[in-house]
C-alpha cells in the first residue's frame, strides 16, 4: 500500500478504522456545502468502500498524528486511463492552513510522475473560492464554466472544470 508524505502531512490508504471519520466528514453540512447533498449512511458506506478499493485514495493526517484532517484521491477514467479526476476535502478546523494545497500537490506529483497520467481534471463550484484558489495555485487551468449547471440543495450553481497537464506541472524539489 502506497503512502505519500509531505513536509507536514502523511497520506495513507483508507483503512476500516477511518470509517467514523469519513462518516462524520460526509455528514458535516459545512464540509458538504460545495460538494453534494448529505447522503444516507448506506450511500456514504458505499463511497467509503470505493475509496478503500482505490489505491489512489488517501486519508490526510498531520505528520506523526493519528487524527485525520481530510481525504484526497484520484479516480482514473475508465475509457481514458491516462486521465484522472481529483477530489479532496479537509475538515473545517484544518481549512485555510495550506493542507489541501500540500496534499493536492503530492497527489498530482504521484499521479503525473509516478502513475504516468497525462492530465488531471477537477471540478469546483464557482462559489467555492477556497477550492478554486487551491487548484489555480497548483497550476490547474479553468477550461470551462457550466453556468447554473449544478443543482445543490435546491440552488443552481456555476460549475467550473479545471485541467492540469503533466507538461505544465513542475515538481517541488
Protein backbone atom coordinates (compact mmCIF):
# COMPACT_ATOMS: atom_id res chain seq x y z
CA UNK A 1 0.00 0.00 0.00
CA UNK A 2 1.33 3.37 -1.07
CA UNK A 3 1.82 6.16 1.47
CA UNK A 4 2.61 9.71 0.35
CA UNK A 5 4.41 12.17 2.58
CA UNK A 6 4.89 15.93 2.52
CA UNK A 7 6.70 18.18 4.99
CA UNK A 8 3.56 18.42 7.15
CA UNK A 9 1.30 15.56 6.04
CA UNK A 10 1.08 11.81 5.69
CA UNK A 11 -1.39 10.48 3.11
CA UNK A 12 -2.33 6.89 3.85
CA UNK A 13 -4.73 4.49 2.13
CA UNK A 14 -8.24 4.24 3.58
CA UNK A 15 -8.50 1.70 6.41
CA UNK A 16 -11.57 0.27 8.18
CA UNK A 17 -10.69 2.40 11.22
CA UNK A 18 -11.22 5.55 9.10
CA UNK A 19 -14.96 4.88 8.74
CA UNK A 20 -16.09 7.02 11.70
CA UNK A 21 -14.05 9.98 10.43
CA UNK A 22 -15.32 9.60 6.86
CA UNK A 23 -18.93 9.32 8.03
CA UNK A 24 -18.60 12.47 10.16
CA UNK A 25 -16.91 14.33 7.28
CA UNK A 26 -19.67 13.36 4.84
CA UNK A 27 -22.44 14.27 7.32
CA UNK A 28 -20.99 17.71 8.10
CA UNK A 29 -23.14 20.36 6.37
CA UNK A 30 -20.26 22.87 6.31
CA UNK A 31 -17.93 20.36 4.67
CA UNK A 32 -20.55 19.29 2.15
CA UNK A 33 -21.87 22.78 1.29
CA UNK A 34 -19.96 22.89 -2.02
CA UNK A 35 -19.83 19.16 -2.80
CA UNK A 36 -23.14 17.33 -2.70
CA UNK A 37 -26.26 16.81 -0.63
CA UNK A 38 -25.67 14.78 2.51
CA UNK A 39 -26.19 11.13 1.62
CA UNK A 40 -27.65 8.31 3.65
CA UNK A 41 -25.34 6.26 5.85
CA UNK A 42 -25.60 3.37 3.37
CA UNK A 43 -24.59 5.63 0.47
CA UNK A 44 -21.69 7.06 2.49
CA UNK A 45 -20.60 3.49 3.32
CA UNK A 46 -20.59 2.62 -0.41
CA UNK A 47 -18.43 5.68 -1.14
CA UNK A 48 -16.10 4.72 1.72
CA UNK A 49 -15.73 1.17 0.40
CA UNK A 50 -14.98 2.53 -3.07
CA UNK A 51 -12.25 4.69 -1.54
CA UNK A 52 -10.83 1.66 0.28
CA UNK A 53 -10.66 -0.22 -3.03
CA UNK A 54 -8.96 2.69 -4.83
CA UNK A 55 -5.15 2.62 -4.48
CA UNK A 56 -5.02 6.34 -5.29
CA UNK A 57 -7.39 7.46 -2.48
CA UNK A 58 -5.89 8.69 0.79
CA UNK A 59 -6.69 9.92 4.28
CA UNK A 60 -4.74 13.05 5.24
CA UNK A 61 -3.09 13.36 8.64
CA UNK A 62 -0.63 15.80 10.12
CA UNK A 63 2.78 14.12 10.18
CA UNK A 64 3.09 11.96 13.29
CA UNK A 65 -0.57 12.43 14.25
CA UNK A 66 -3.39 9.88 14.25
CA UNK A 67 -6.33 12.27 13.83
CA UNK A 68 -7.44 12.60 10.19
CA UNK A 69 -7.63 16.07 8.63
CA UNK A 70 -9.29 15.13 5.36
CA UNK A 71 -9.22 12.97 2.28
CA UNK A 72 -7.92 13.23 -1.27
CA UNK A 73 -7.82 10.92 -4.22
CA UNK A 74 -7.55 10.32 -7.91
CA UNK A 75 -10.17 8.45 -9.89
CA UNK A 76 -8.78 7.05 -13.14
CA UNK A 77 -11.02 7.46 -16.18
CA UNK A 78 -12.18 4.07 -17.46
CA UNK A 79 -12.26 4.99 -21.16
CA UNK A 80 -9.08 7.12 -20.88
CA UNK A 81 -6.70 5.61 -18.31
CA UNK A 82 -4.14 8.33 -18.93
CA UNK A 83 -6.53 10.85 -17.31
CA UNK A 84 -7.87 11.07 -13.77
CA UNK A 85 -10.21 13.27 -11.79
CA UNK A 86 -9.05 14.57 -8.43
CA UNK A 87 -11.15 15.25 -5.38
CA UNK A 88 -10.26 16.44 -1.90
CA UNK A 89 -11.87 17.56 1.31
CA UNK A 90 -10.41 18.95 4.53
CA UNK A 91 -12.20 19.32 7.86
CA UNK A 92 -13.28 22.84 8.70
CA UNK A 93 -10.77 23.22 11.56
CA UNK A 94 -7.89 22.47 9.15
CA UNK A 95 -9.02 24.74 6.31
CA UNK A 96 -7.04 27.84 5.41
CA UNK A 97 -3.75 26.32 6.61
CA UNK A 98 -2.45 25.08 3.27
CA UNK A 99 -3.15 21.40 3.93
CA UNK A 100 -5.35 20.97 0.85
CA UNK A 101 -2.70 22.56 -1.38
CA UNK A 102 0.06 20.44 0.12
CA UNK A 103 -1.92 17.22 -0.21
CA UNK A 104 -3.06 18.04 -3.73
CA UNK A 105 0.50 18.81 -4.82
CA UNK A 106 1.68 15.42 -3.50
CA UNK A 107 -1.24 13.67 -5.17
CA UNK A 108 -0.60 15.41 -8.51
CA UNK A 109 3.11 14.57 -8.35
CA UNK A 110 2.20 10.95 -7.68
CA UNK A 111 -0.37 10.84 -10.48
CA UNK A 112 1.60 12.66 -13.14
CA UNK A 113 5.13 11.46 -12.37
CA UNK A 114 4.68 8.05 -10.74
CA UNK A 115 1.45 6.75 -12.26
CA UNK A 116 2.21 8.29 -15.66
CA UNK A 117 -1.02 10.24 -16.04
CA UNK A 118 -1.11 12.82 -18.82
CA UNK A 119 -3.74 15.05 -17.23
CA UNK A 120 -5.77 15.52 -14.07
CA UNK A 121 -9.21 17.13 -14.05
CA UNK A 122 -11.04 18.77 -11.16
CA UNK A 123 -14.45 20.33 -10.65
CA UNK A 124 -15.27 23.13 -8.24
CA UNK A 125 -18.32 25.28 -7.82
CA UNK A 126 -17.56 28.91 -8.67
CA UNK A 127 -18.82 29.88 -5.19
CA UNK A 128 -16.16 27.69 -3.58
CA UNK A 129 -13.42 30.34 -3.63
CA UNK A 130 -11.08 28.32 -1.40
CA UNK A 131 -11.09 25.29 -3.65
CA UNK A 132 -10.76 27.38 -6.82
CA UNK A 133 -7.75 29.14 -5.23
CA UNK A 134 -6.12 25.78 -4.33
CA UNK A 135 -6.50 24.48 -7.88
CA UNK A 136 -5.24 27.65 -9.55
CA UNK A 137 -2.28 27.90 -7.16
CA UNK A 138 -1.13 24.46 -8.29
CA UNK A 139 -1.36 25.34 -11.96
CA UNK A 140 -4.77 23.92 -12.86
CA UNK A 141 -6.31 25.90 -15.71
CA UNK A 142 -10.03 26.63 -15.82
CA UNK A 143 -11.15 25.11 -19.08
CA UNK A 144 -14.90 25.66 -18.88
CA UNK A 145 -17.67 27.05 -16.74
CA UNK A 146 -21.08 25.44 -16.90
CA UNK A 147 -23.44 28.19 -15.85
CA UNK A 148 -26.18 27.23 -13.39
CA UNK A 149 -25.46 23.57 -14.19
CA UNK A 150 -25.06 22.00 -10.73
CA UNK A 151 -28.13 21.68 -8.55
CA UNK A 152 -27.18 21.53 -4.88
CA UNK A 153 -29.74 21.76 -2.11
CA UNK A 154 -32.30 23.43 -4.34
CA UNK A 155 -29.96 26.07 -5.79
CA UNK A 156 -28.26 26.03 -9.21
CA UNK A 157 -24.54 26.87 -9.16
CA UNK A 158 -21.93 27.58 -11.81
CA UNK A 159 -19.64 24.56 -12.07
CA UNK A 160 -16.03 25.05 -13.17
CA UNK A 161 -13.87 22.40 -14.76
CA UNK A 162 -10.11 22.58 -14.33
CA UNK A 163 -7.28 20.68 -16.01
CA UNK A 164 -3.65 20.14 -15.15
CA UNK A 165 -1.42 18.57 -17.78
CA UNK A 166 1.83 16.80 -16.98
CA UNK A 167 3.91 19.10 -19.16
CA UNK A 168 2.73 22.14 -17.17
CA UNK A 169 3.25 20.71 -13.70
CA UNK A 170 6.58 21.20 -12.04
CA UNK A 171 7.79 19.08 -9.19
CA UNK A 172 8.57 20.82 -5.95
CA UNK A 173 12.06 19.69 -5.03
